[in-house]
């Protein structure tokens, strides 16, 4: 598939990494990471959403694999997650967001 065919499918492809335990998740992630600039708004939407598992996997698998220029665009959304008041329901997300920020080199 060429870029003009893949780019419109990025939102649907991103759904396949809601759970990285799914067998198709890793190969889909490889495809997604080929389009970091086009992927940014879709990842930001996930990070600002309320699907904790999807947010977690974006923080653990997508964010660290992005080039620095893409991370810079997403850093505000990740900072929002990292600065949340910790509750029993969001502790993993807050800690993972902090770790993601620590991995930034800019």
Protein backbone atom coordinates (compact mmCIF):
# COMPACT_ATOMS: atom_id res chain seq x y z
CA UNK A 1 0.00 0.00 0.00
CA UNK A 2 1.17 3.49 -0.74
CA UNK A 3 0.99 6.45 1.65
CA UNK A 4 -2.09 7.91 -0.03
CA UNK A 5 -3.93 4.68 0.77
CA UNK A 6 -2.63 4.26 4.32
CA UNK A 7 -2.92 7.81 5.69
CA UNK A 8 -6.74 7.94 5.57
CA UNK A 9 -6.78 4.64 7.49
CA UNK A 10 -4.56 5.80 10.37
CA UNK A 11 -7.44 6.34 12.84
CA UNK A 12 -8.77 2.84 12.20
CA UNK A 13 -5.30 1.30 12.31
CA UNK A 14 -4.58 3.06 15.60
CA UNK A 15 -7.57 1.25 17.10
CA UNK A 16 -5.66 -2.01 16.68
CA UNK A 17 -3.18 -0.95 19.33
CA UNK A 18 -5.82 -0.44 22.01
CA UNK A 19 -4.43 -3.68 23.38
CA UNK A 20 -0.89 -4.60 22.40
CA UNK A 21 -1.61 -8.19 23.39
CA UNK A 22 -3.61 -8.61 20.19
CA UNK A 23 -1.48 -10.53 17.64
CA UNK A 24 -1.96 -7.89 14.96
CA UNK A 25 -0.93 -4.97 17.22
CA UNK A 26 2.85 -5.07 16.67
CA UNK A 27 2.68 -5.24 12.85
CA UNK A 28 0.10 -2.44 12.83
CA UNK A 29 2.31 -0.36 15.10
CA UNK A 30 5.16 -0.74 12.60
CA UNK A 31 2.91 0.64 9.86
CA UNK A 32 1.68 3.51 12.04
CA UNK A 33 5.20 4.60 12.92
CA UNK A 34 6.01 5.10 9.24
CA UNK A 35 3.72 8.18 9.29
CA UNK A 36 4.64 10.06 12.49
CA UNK A 37 3.51 13.50 11.34
CA UNK A 38 0.14 12.27 10.14
CA UNK A 39 -0.27 10.09 13.24
CA UNK A 40 0.21 12.90 15.79
CA UNK A 41 -3.37 14.28 15.86
CA UNK A 42 -4.81 10.79 16.25
CA UNK A 43 -2.46 9.88 19.10
CA UNK A 44 -3.19 13.22 20.76
CA UNK A 45 -6.90 12.46 20.59
CA UNK A 46 -6.28 9.14 22.35
CA UNK A 47 -4.09 10.75 25.01
CA UNK A 48 -6.77 13.35 25.75
CA UNK A 49 -9.51 10.71 25.79
CA UNK A 50 -10.74 8.38 28.51
CA UNK A 51 -9.70 4.90 27.33
CA UNK A 52 -7.01 4.14 29.91
CA UNK A 53 -5.72 1.00 28.22
CA UNK A 54 -5.36 2.76 24.88
CA UNK A 55 -3.67 5.74 26.54
CA UNK A 56 -1.30 3.37 28.33
CA UNK A 57 -0.28 1.60 25.12
CA UNK A 58 0.20 4.91 23.30
CA UNK A 59 2.48 6.06 26.12
CA UNK A 60 4.41 2.79 26.23
CA UNK A 61 4.65 1.84 22.55
CA UNK A 62 3.85 4.81 20.32
CA UNK A 63 5.26 7.87 22.10
CA UNK A 64 8.76 6.44 22.77
CA UNK A 65 9.08 5.25 19.17
CA UNK A 66 8.23 8.62 17.63
CA UNK A 67 10.91 11.01 16.41
CA UNK A 68 11.61 13.98 18.69
CA UNK A 69 9.72 16.46 16.49
CA UNK A 70 6.56 14.38 16.92
CA UNK A 71 7.10 13.98 20.65
CA UNK A 72 7.39 17.76 21.00
CA UNK A 73 3.91 18.17 19.54
CA UNK A 74 2.46 15.58 21.93
CA UNK A 75 4.36 16.61 25.05
CA UNK A 76 1.57 18.90 26.33
CA UNK A 77 -0.95 16.04 26.27
CA UNK A 78 1.53 13.74 28.04
CA UNK A 79 2.27 16.44 30.63
CA UNK A 80 -1.46 16.76 31.34
CA UNK A 81 -1.57 13.04 32.07
CA UNK A 82 1.54 13.19 34.24
CA UNK A 83 0.20 16.08 36.32
CA UNK A 84 -3.13 14.46 37.19
CA UNK A 85 -3.86 13.85 40.84
CA UNK A 86 -3.11 10.18 41.44
CA UNK A 87 -6.09 7.98 42.22
CA UNK A 88 -6.35 4.18 42.37
CA UNK A 89 -7.89 4.35 38.90
CA UNK A 90 -5.23 6.39 37.11
CA UNK A 91 -1.99 5.62 38.93
CA UNK A 92 -0.55 3.54 36.05
CA UNK A 93 -1.33 6.27 33.51
CA UNK A 94 0.23 9.03 35.62
CA UNK A 95 3.40 7.05 36.27
CA UNK A 96 3.69 5.92 32.65
CA UNK A 97 3.25 9.50 31.44
CA UNK A 98 6.03 10.64 33.78
CA UNK A 99 8.29 7.90 32.44
CA UNK A 100 7.46 8.90 28.87
CA UNK A 101 8.42 12.49 29.60
CA UNK A 102 11.71 11.38 31.14
CA UNK A 103 12.56 9.58 27.90
CA UNK A 104 12.39 12.84 25.92
CA UNK A 105 15.73 14.24 24.79
CA UNK A 106 14.79 17.77 23.81
